[in-house]
């Protein structure tokens, strides 16, 4: 059974030009998509394990 994803917009998203990244956090990991593609099930998205997502965040927020 596939998990139902609850997408949340990034705090860095801009409503004025449609630039938006959304994430869905699940028990198995984190999914990322471009919100302009919305509910398009064929649209590309990324999936990270929780450990990989933690490393990604640490790298992108480091000084």
Protein backbone atom coordinates (compact mmCIF):
# COMPACT_ATOMS: atom_id res chain seq x y z
CA UNK A 1 0.00 0.00 0.00
CA UNK A 2 1.42 3.39 -1.01
CA UNK A 3 1.60 6.15 1.59
CA UNK A 4 -0.66 9.17 1.13
CA UNK A 5 1.66 12.18 0.84
CA UNK A 6 0.82 15.48 2.54
CA UNK A 7 2.71 18.19 0.67
CA UNK A 8 3.90 21.37 2.43
CA UNK A 9 5.36 24.40 0.63
CA UNK A 10 8.86 25.56 1.45
CA UNK A 11 9.17 28.76 3.46
CA UNK A 12 11.44 30.01 0.66
CA UNK A 13 8.74 29.64 -1.98
CA UNK A 14 7.63 32.69 -3.91
CA UNK A 15 3.96 33.00 -4.76
CA UNK A 16 4.49 35.82 -7.25
CA UNK A 17 6.31 33.82 -9.91
CA UNK A 18 5.19 30.27 -9.12
CA UNK A 19 8.62 29.18 -7.89
CA UNK A 20 7.90 26.67 -5.19
CA UNK A 21 9.33 23.50 -3.75
CA UNK A 22 7.14 21.22 -1.68
CA UNK A 23 8.11 18.44 0.70
CA UNK A 24 6.21 15.52 2.19
CA UNK A 25 7.63 13.82 5.26
CA UNK A 26 6.68 10.19 5.83
CA UNK A 27 7.78 7.36 8.07
CA UNK A 28 10.08 6.09 5.32
CA UNK A 29 11.67 9.41 4.33
CA UNK A 30 11.20 12.77 2.63
CA UNK A 31 9.79 13.45 -0.83
CA UNK A 32 10.45 16.67 -2.77
CA UNK A 33 8.62 18.06 -5.82
CA UNK A 34 8.16 21.21 -7.88
CA UNK A 35 4.74 22.55 -6.95
CA UNK A 36 4.12 23.90 -10.44
CA UNK A 37 3.56 20.29 -11.46
CA UNK A 38 1.21 19.85 -8.49
CA UNK A 39 -0.70 16.61 -8.32
CA UNK A 40 0.69 15.38 -11.65
CA UNK A 41 1.59 11.82 -10.68
CA UNK A 42 3.93 11.54 -13.68
CA UNK A 43 5.96 14.58 -12.59
CA UNK A 44 9.49 13.92 -11.37
CA UNK A 45 10.15 14.03 -7.67
CA UNK A 46 13.01 13.17 -5.38
CA UNK A 47 12.89 10.81 -2.43
CA UNK A 48 15.41 10.77 0.41
CA UNK A 49 15.84 8.47 3.37
CA UNK A 50 15.60 10.34 6.66
CA UNK A 51 19.37 9.99 7.14
CA UNK A 52 20.13 11.34 3.66
CA UNK A 53 17.72 14.26 4.19
CA UNK A 54 19.45 15.13 7.49
CA UNK A 55 22.83 15.17 5.73
CA UNK A 56 21.41 17.31 2.91
CA UNK A 57 19.99 19.86 5.36
CA UNK A 58 23.24 19.96 7.33
CA UNK A 59 25.21 20.61 4.15
CA UNK A 60 22.89 23.28 2.75
CA UNK A 61 22.54 25.20 6.02
CA UNK A 62 26.22 25.14 7.02
CA UNK A 63 28.01 28.49 7.25
